[in-house]
Amino acid sequence: MDNYNYFKSNLAELLGRYSNQYIVLKNESVIGYYENFDKAFENTIKKEALGTFLIQHCVSEEDDVVTFVSSNAIFA
């Protein structure tokens, strides 16, 4: 199981502990939680290599917002 599947499978339990927090997952466990994405990223990158962890906003599926950015996106 990967970190995202772990998150989805354990969402109810994680919501009970980390509701509306940005949680950092590595090896299918929570290694940190923060009030916003920037703090989660800045603090985690000091200790963990890019590509080895997942930062996920811990909200119910109804409140979840999915953002997709294509490699050919243009920001003006």
PDB file of N, CA and C in Angstrom:
ATOM      1  N   MET A   1       0.859  -1.185   0.000  1.00  0.00           N
ATOM      2  CA  MET A   1       0.000   0.000   0.000  1.00  0.00           C
ATOM      3  C   MET A   1       0.897   1.237   0.000  1.00  0.00           C
ATOM      4  N   ASP A   2       0.533   2.233  -0.766  1.00  0.00           N
ATOM      5  CA  ASP A   2       1.328   3.456  -0.774  1.00  0.00           C
ATOM      6  C   ASP A   2       0.712   4.490   0.178  1.00  0.00           C
ATOM      7  N   ASN A   3       1.369   5.618   0.315  1.00  0.00           N
ATOM      8  CA  ASN A   3       0.928   6.635   1.285  1.00  0.00           C
ATOM      9  C   ASN A   3      -0.468   7.165   0.998  1.00  0.00           C
ATOM     10  N   TYR A   4      -0.800   7.402  -0.271  1.00  0.00           N
ATOM     11  CA  TYR A   4      -2.124   7.930  -0.580  1.00  0.00           C
ATOM     12  C   TYR A   4      -3.207   6.895  -0.288  1.00  0.00           C
ATOM     13  N   ASN A   5      -2.972   5.646  -0.655  1.00  0.00           N
ATOM     14  CA  ASN A   5      -3.943   4.598  -0.337  1.00  0.00           C
ATOM     15  C   ASN A   5      -4.088   4.425   1.165  1.00  0.00           C
ATOM     16  N   TYR A   6      -2.983   4.552   1.885  1.00  0.00           N
ATOM     17  CA  TYR A   6      -3.040   4.503   3.347  1.00  0.00           C
ATOM     18  C   TYR A   6      -3.936   5.631   3.863  1.00  0.00           C
ATOM     19  N   PHE A   7      -3.748   6.825   3.329  1.00  0.00           N
ATOM     20  CA  PHE A   7      -4.560   7.966   3.730  1.00  0.00           C
ATOM     21  C   PHE A   7      -6.038   7.696   3.484  1.00  0.00           C
ATOM     22  N   LYS A   8      -6.382   7.257   2.283  1.00  0.00           N
ATOM     23  CA  LYS A   8      -7.781   7.005   1.942  1.00  0.00           C
ATOM     24  C   LYS A   8      -8.372   5.885   2.807  1.00  0.00           C
ATOM     25  N   SER A   9      -7.619   4.843   3.051  1.00  0.00           N
ATOM     26  CA  SER A   9      -8.113   3.706   3.835  1.00  0.00           C
ATOM     27  C   SER A   9      -8.309   4.047   5.306  1.00  0.00           C
ATOM     28  N   ASN A  10      -7.563   5.013   5.805  1.00  0.00           N
ATOM     29  CA  ASN A  10      -7.598   5.361   7.224  1.00  0.00           C
ATOM     30  C   ASN A  10      -8.158   6.755   7.472  1.00  0.00           C
ATOM     31  N   LEU A  11      -8.891   7.292   6.495  1.00  0.00           N
ATOM     32  CA  LEU A  11      -9.363   8.677   6.566  1.00  0.00           C
ATOM     33  C   LEU A  11     -10.177   8.960   7.828  1.00  0.00           C
ATOM     34  N   ALA A  12     -11.080   8.088   8.209  1.00  0.00           N
ATOM     35  CA  ALA A  12     -11.920   8.336   9.385  1.00  0.00           C
ATOM     36  C   ALA A  12     -11.065   8.504  10.643  1.00  0.00           C
ATOM     37  N   GLU A  13     -10.102   7.626  10.832  1.00  0.00           N
ATOM     38  CA  GLU A  13      -9.218   7.723  11.996  1.00  0.00           C
ATOM     39  C   GLU A  13      -8.350   8.975  11.932  1.00  0.00           C
ATOM     40  N   LEU A  14      -7.808   9.259  10.755  1.00  0.00           N
ATOM     41  CA  LEU A  14      -6.958  10.433  10.597  1.00  0.00           C
ATOM     42  C   LEU A  14      -7.744  11.721  10.820  1.00  0.00           C
ATOM     43  N   LEU A  15      -8.988  11.774  10.359  1.00  0.00           N
ATOM     44  CA  LEU A  15      -9.826  12.956  10.592  1.00  0.00           C
ATOM     45  C   LEU A  15     -10.041  13.191  12.079  1.00  0.00           C
ATOM     46  N   GLY A  16     -10.185  12.118  12.836  1.00  0.00           N
ATOM     47  CA  GLY A  16     -10.360  12.244  14.278  1.00  0.00           C
ATOM     48  C   GLY A  16      -9.166  12.872  14.976  1.00  0.00           C
ATOM     49  N   ARG A  17      -7.993  12.684  14.429  1.00  0.00           N
ATOM     50  CA  ARG A  17      -6.769  13.198  15.053  1.00  0.00           C
ATOM     51  C   ARG A  17      -6.234  14.472  14.401  1.00  0.00           C
ATOM     52  N   TYR A  18      -6.394  14.588  13.073  1.00  0.00           N
ATOM     53  CA  TYR A  18      -5.721  15.666  12.328  1.00  0.00           C
ATOM     54  C   TYR A  18      -6.662  16.481  11.450  1.00  0.00           C
ATOM     55  N   SER A  19      -7.916  16.587  11.826  1.00  0.00           N
ATOM     56  CA  SER A  19      -8.898  17.275  10.992  1.00  0.00           C
ATOM     57  C   SER A  19      -8.440  18.677  10.594  1.00  0.00           C
ATOM     58  N   ASN A  20      -8.506  18.957   9.307  1.00  0.00           N
ATOM     59  CA  ASN A  20      -8.154  20.241   8.702  1.00  0.00           C
ATOM     60  C   ASN A  20      -6.667  20.594   8.813  1.00  0.00           C
ATOM     61  N   GLN A  21      -5.836  19.632   9.137  1.00  0.00           N
ATOM     62  CA  GLN A  21      -4.395  19.830   9.178  1.00  0.00           C
ATOM     63  C   GLN A  21      -3.787  19.278   7.889  1.00  0.00           C
ATOM     64  N   TYR A  22      -2.585  19.697   7.581  1.00  0.00           N
ATOM     65  CA  TYR A  22      -1.824  19.125   6.483  1.00  0.00           C
ATOM     66  C   TYR A  22      -0.900  18.085   7.099  1.00  0.00           C
ATOM     67  N   ILE A  23      -1.168  16.824   6.787  1.00  0.00           N
ATOM     68  CA  ILE A  23      -0.374  15.765   7.374  1.00  0.00           C
ATOM     69  C   ILE A  23       0.694  15.299   6.394  1.00  0.00           C
ATOM     70  N   VAL A  24       1.829  14.901   6.946  1.00  0.00           N
ATOM     71  CA  VAL A  24       2.933  14.402   6.145  1.00  0.00           C
ATOM     72  C   VAL A  24       2.998  12.895   6.375  1.00  0.00           C
ATOM     73  N   LEU A  25       2.899  12.146   5.282  1.00  0.00           N
ATOM     74  CA  LEU A  25       2.908  10.687   5.345  1.00  0.00           C
ATOM     75  C   LEU A  25       4.181  10.152   4.716  1.00  0.00           C
ATOM     76  N   LYS A  26       4.766   9.167   5.391  1.00  0.00           N
ATOM     77  CA  LYS A  26       5.927   8.469   4.855  1.00  0.00           C
ATOM     78  C   LYS A  26       5.864   7.041   5.371  1.00  0.00           C
ATOM     79  N   ASN A  27       6.095   6.093   4.493  1.00  0.00           N
ATOM     80  CA  ASN A  27       6.049   4.681   4.860  1.00  0.00           C
ATOM     81  C   ASN A  27       4.753   4.324   5.578  1.00  0.00           C
ATOM     82  N   GLU A  28       3.655   4.867   5.071  1.00  0.00           N
ATOM     83  CA  GLU A  28       2.316   4.586   5.573  1.00  0.00           C
ATOM     84  C   GLU A  28       2.136   4.929   7.054  1.00  0.00           C
ATOM     85  N   SER A  29       2.742   6.042   7.456  1.00  0.00           N
ATOM     86  CA  SER A  29       2.516   6.569   8.803  1.00  0.00           C
ATOM     87  C   SER A  29       2.662   8.087   8.780  1.00  0.00           C
ATOM     88  N   VAL A  30       2.054   8.742   9.746  1.00  0.00           N
ATOM     89  CA  VAL A  30       2.103  10.200   9.847  1.00  0.00           C
ATOM     90  C   VAL A  30       3.402  10.583  10.547  1.00  0.00           C
ATOM     91  N   ILE A  31       4.204  11.408   9.860  1.00  0.00           N
ATOM     92  CA  ILE A  31       5.463  11.848  10.462  1.00  0.00           C
ATOM     93  C   ILE A  31       5.425  13.322  10.857  1.00  0.00           C
ATOM     94  N   GLY A  32       4.303  14.000  10.575  1.00  0.00           N
ATOM     95  CA  GLY A  32       4.153  15.389  10.973  1.00  0.00           C
ATOM     96  C   GLY A  32       2.802  15.921  10.569  1.00  0.00           C
ATOM     97  N   TYR A  33       2.391  17.009  11.216  1.00  0.00           N
ATOM     98  CA  TYR A  33       1.140  17.671  10.844  1.00  0.00           C
ATOM     99  C   TYR A  33       1.285  19.162  11.110  1.00  0.00           C
ATOM    100  N   TYR A  34       0.674  19.954  10.211  1.00  0.00           N
ATOM    101  CA  TYR A  34       0.869  21.401  10.210  1.00  0.00           C
ATOM    102  C   TYR A  34      -0.418  22.107   9.825  1.00  0.00           C
ATOM    103  N   GLU A  35      -0.493  23.397  10.131  1.00  0.00           N
ATOM    104  CA  GLU A  35      -1.713  24.167   9.844  1.00  0.00           C
ATOM    105  C   GLU A  35      -1.842  24.578   8.382  1.00  0.00           C
ATOM    106  N   ASN A  36      -0.736  24.569   7.633  1.00  0.00           N
ATOM    107  CA  ASN A  36      -0.827  24.889   6.208  1.00  0.00           C
ATOM    108  C   ASN A  36       0.237  24.129   5.420  1.00  0.00           C
ATOM    109  N   PHE A  37       0.032  24.083   4.119  1.00  0.00           N
ATOM    110  CA  PHE A  37       0.916  23.320   3.241  1.00  0.00           C
ATOM    111  C   PHE A  37       2.351  23.844   3.292  1.00  0.00           C
ATOM    112  N   ASP A  38       2.505  25.168   3.264  1.00  0.00           N
ATOM    113  CA  ASP A  38       3.850  25.747   3.247  1.00  0.00           C
ATOM    114  C   ASP A  38       4.675  25.306   4.447  1.00  0.00           C
ATOM    115  N   LYS A  39       4.088  25.344   5.633  1.00  0.00           N
ATOM    116  CA  LYS A  39       4.813  24.908   6.836  1.00  0.00           C
ATOM    117  C   LYS A  39       5.141  23.423   6.760  1.00  0.00           C
ATOM    118  N   ALA A  40       4.181  22.634   6.281  1.00  0.00           N
ATOM    119  CA  ALA A  40       4.409  21.191   6.153  1.00  0.00           C
ATOM    120  C   ALA A  40       5.595  20.928   5.226  1.00  0.00           C
ATOM    121  N   PHE A  41       5.609  21.598   4.096  1.00  0.00           N
ATOM    122  CA  PHE A  41       6.686  21.399   3.131  1.00  0.00           C
ATOM    123  C   PHE A  41       8.027  21.891   3.665  1.00  0.00           C
ATOM    124  N   GLU A  42       8.050  23.122   4.161  1.00  0.00           N
ATOM    125  CA  GLU A  42       9.304  23.726   4.639  1.00  0.00           C
ATOM    126  C   GLU A  42       9.945  22.903   5.755  1.00  0.00           C
ATOM    127  N   ASN A  43       9.141  22.422   6.686  1.00  0.00           N
ATOM    128  CA  ASN A  43       9.697  21.654   7.805  1.00  0.00           C
ATOM    129  C   ASN A  43      10.087  20.239   7.403  1.00  0.00           C
ATOM    130  N   THR A  44       9.322  19.631   6.536  1.00  0.00           N
ATOM    131  CA  THR A  44       9.616  18.254   6.151  1.00  0.00           C
ATOM    132  C   THR A  44      10.832  18.162   5.252  1.00  0.00           C
ATOM    133  N   ILE A  45      10.984  19.104   4.340  1.00  0.00           N
ATOM    134  CA  ILE A  45      12.107  19.054   3.401  1.00  0.00           C
ATOM    135  C   ILE A  45      13.459  19.193   4.117  1.00  0.00           C
ATOM    136  N   LYS A  46      13.446  19.714   5.332  1.00  0.00           N
ATOM    137  CA  LYS A  46      14.683  19.812   6.119  1.00  0.00           C
ATOM    138  C   LYS A  46      15.185  18.438   6.550  1.00  0.00           C
ATOM    139  N   LYS A  47      14.251  17.465   6.669  1.00  0.00           N
ATOM    140  CA  LYS A  47      14.604  16.151   7.202  1.00  0.00           C
ATOM    141  C   LYS A  47      14.453  15.013   6.203  1.00  0.00           C
ATOM    142  N   GLU A  48      13.599  15.213   5.199  1.00  0.00           N
ATOM    143  CA  GLU A  48      13.267  14.133   4.272  1.00  0.00           C
ATOM    144  C   GLU A  48      13.566  14.551   2.834  1.00  0.00           C
ATOM    145  N   ALA A  49      13.935  13.588   2.015  1.00  0.00           N
ATOM    146  CA  ALA A  49      14.226  13.852   0.605  1.00  0.00           C
ATOM    147  C   ALA A  49      12.933  14.009  -0.187  1.00  0.00           C
ATOM    148  N   LEU A  50      12.963  14.896  -1.177  1.00  0.00           N
ATOM    149  CA  LEU A  50      11.821  15.051  -2.068  1.00  0.00           C
ATOM    150  C   LEU A  50      11.484  13.705  -2.703  1.00  0.00           C
ATOM    151  N   GLY A  51      10.208  13.455  -2.855  1.00  0.00           N
ATOM    152  CA  GLY A  51       9.763  12.218  -3.476  1.00  0.00           C
ATOM    153  C   GLY A  51       9.615  11.059  -2.519  1.00  0.00           C
ATOM    154  N   THR A  52       9.930  11.270  -1.241  1.00  0.00           N
ATOM    155  CA  THR A  52       9.842  10.175  -0.270  1.00  0.00           C
ATOM    156  C   THR A  52       8.675  10.331   0.690  1.00  0.00           C
ATOM    157  N   PHE A  53       7.898  11.392   0.535  1.00  0.00           N
ATOM    158  CA  PHE A  53       6.782  11.641   1.444  1.00  0.00           C
ATOM    159  C   PHE A  53       5.626  12.256   0.682  1.00  0.00           C
ATOM    160  N   LEU A  54       4.457  12.274   1.337  1.00  0.00           N
ATOM    161  CA  LEU A  54       3.251  12.855   0.770  1.00  0.00           C
ATOM    162  C   LEU A  54       2.683  13.849   1.767  1.00  0.00           C
ATOM    163  N   ILE A  55       2.319  15.035   1.286  1.00  0.00           N
ATOM    164  CA  ILE A  55       1.615  16.013   2.116  1.00  0.00           C
ATOM    165  C   ILE A  55       0.165  16.000   1.661  1.00  0.00           C
ATOM    166  N   GLN A  56      -0.735  15.745   2.606  1.00  0.00           N
ATOM    167  CA  GLN A  56      -2.146  15.610   2.275  1.00  0.00           C
ATOM    168  C   GLN A  56      -2.991  16.436   3.234  1.00  0.00           C
ATOM    169  N   HIS A  57      -3.914  17.232   2.690  1.00  0.00           N
ATOM    170  CA  HIS A  57      -4.847  17.997   3.525  1.00  0.00           C
ATOM    171  C   HIS A  57      -5.848  17.007   4.103  1.00  0.00           C
ATOM    172  N   CYS A  58      -5.970  16.961   5.401  1.00  0.00           N
ATOM    173  CA  CYS A  58      -6.821  15.986   6.074  1.00  0.00           C
ATOM    174  C   CYS A  58      -8.227  16.561   6.253  1.00  0.00           C
ATOM    175  N   VAL A  59      -9.046  16.366   5.233  1.00  0.00           N
ATOM    176  CA  VAL A  59     -10.441  16.804   5.234  1.00  0.00           C
ATOM    177  C   VAL A  59     -11.297  15.664   4.708  1.00  0.00           C
ATOM    178  N   SER A  60     -12.602  15.736   4.978  1.00  0.00           N
ATOM    179  CA  SER A  60     -13.509  14.705   4.495  1.00  0.00           C
ATOM    180  C   SER A  60     -13.555  14.724   2.977  1.00  0.00           C
ATOM    181  N   GLU A  61     -13.977  13.628   2.397  1.00  0.00           N
ATOM    182  CA  GLU A  61     -14.036  13.542   0.938  1.00  0.00           C
ATOM    183  C   GLU A  61     -14.952  14.596   0.335  1.00  0.00           C
ATOM    184  N   GLU A  62     -15.986  15.001   1.065  1.00  0.00           N
ATOM    185  CA  GLU A  62     -16.894  16.032   0.561  1.00  0.00           C
ATOM    186  C   GLU A  62     -16.200  17.395   0.462  1.00  0.00           C
ATOM    187  N   ASP A  63     -15.239  17.633   1.352  1.00  0.00           N
ATOM    188  CA  ASP A  63     -14.534  18.915   1.383  1.00  0.00           C
ATOM    189  C   ASP A  63     -13.235  18.902   0.581  1.00  0.00           C
ATOM    190  N   ASP A  64     -12.874  17.745   0.072  1.00  0.00           N
ATOM    191  CA  ASP A  64     -11.608  17.583  -0.635  1.00  0.00           C
ATOM    192  C   ASP A  64     -11.641  18.326  -1.968  1.00  0.00           C
ATOM    193  N   VAL A  65     -10.564  19.032  -2.265  1.00  0.00           N
ATOM    194  CA  VAL A  65     -10.404  19.725  -3.530  1.00  0.00           C
ATOM    195  C   VAL A  65      -9.195  19.113  -4.224  1.00  0.00           C
ATOM    196  N   VAL A  66      -9.382  18.681  -5.438  1.00  0.00           N
ATOM    197  CA  VAL A  66      -8.295  18.085  -6.202  1.00  0.00           C
ATOM    198  C   VAL A  66      -7.789  19.120  -7.186  1.00  0.00           C
ATOM    199  N   THR A  67      -6.483  19.331  -7.184  1.00  0.00           N
ATOM    200  CA  THR A  67      -5.861  20.259  -8.106  1.00  0.00           C
ATOM    201  C   THR A  67      -4.968  19.485  -9.039  1.00  0.00           C
ATOM    202  N   PHE A  68      -5.158  19.673 -10.330  1.00  0.00           N
ATOM    203  CA  PHE A  68      -4.336  18.999 -11.330  1.00  0.00           C
ATOM    204  C   PHE A  68      -3.669  20.070 -12.176  1.00  0.00           C
ATOM    205  N   VAL A  69      -2.357  19.976 -12.276  1.00  0.00           N
ATOM    206  CA  VAL A  69      -1.612  20.897 -13.132  1.00  0.00           C
ATOM    207  C   VAL A  69      -0.885  20.067 -14.167  1.00  0.00           C
ATOM    208  N   SER A  70      -1.197  20.300 -15.406  1.00  0.00           N
ATOM    209  CA  SER A  70      -0.553  19.578 -16.507  1.00  0.00           C
ATOM    210  C   SER A  70       0.845  20.123 -16.732  1.00  0.00           C
ATOM    211  N   SER A  71       1.690  19.278 -17.282  1.00  0.00           N
ATOM    212  CA  SER A  71       3.054  19.722 -17.567  1.00  0.00           C
ATOM    213  C   SER A  71       3.106  20.786 -18.652  1.00  0.00           C
ATOM    214  N   ASN A  72       2.020  20.948 -19.381  1.00  0.00           N
ATOM    215  CA  ASN A  72       2.009  21.981 -20.418  1.00  0.00           C
ATOM    216  C   ASN A  72       1.155  23.177 -20.013  1.00  0.00           C
ATOM    217  N   ALA A  73       0.964  23.363 -18.714  1.00  0.00           N
ATOM    218  CA  ALA A  73       0.192  24.517 -18.218  1.00  0.00           C
ATOM    219  C   ALA A  73       1.013  25.788 -18.378  1.00  0.00           C
ATOM    220  N   ILE A  74       0.323  26.887 -18.629  1.00  0.00           N
ATOM    221  CA  ILE A  74       0.972  28.188 -18.748  1.00  0.00           C
ATOM    222  C   ILE A  74       0.333  29.120 -17.718  1.00  0.00           C
ATOM    223  N   PHE A  75       1.164  29.714 -16.876  1.00  0.00           N
ATOM    224  CA  PHE A  75       0.676  30.651 -15.868  1.00  0.00           C
ATOM    225  C   PHE A  75       1.068  32.051 -16.304  1.00  0.00           C
ATOM    226  N   ALA A  76       0.074  32.905 -16.425  1.00  0.00           N
ATOM    227  CA  ALA A  76       0.358  34.261 -16.887  1.00  0.00           C
ATOM    228  C   ALA A  76      -0.032  35.267 -15.828  1.00  0.00           C
TER     229      ALA A  76
END
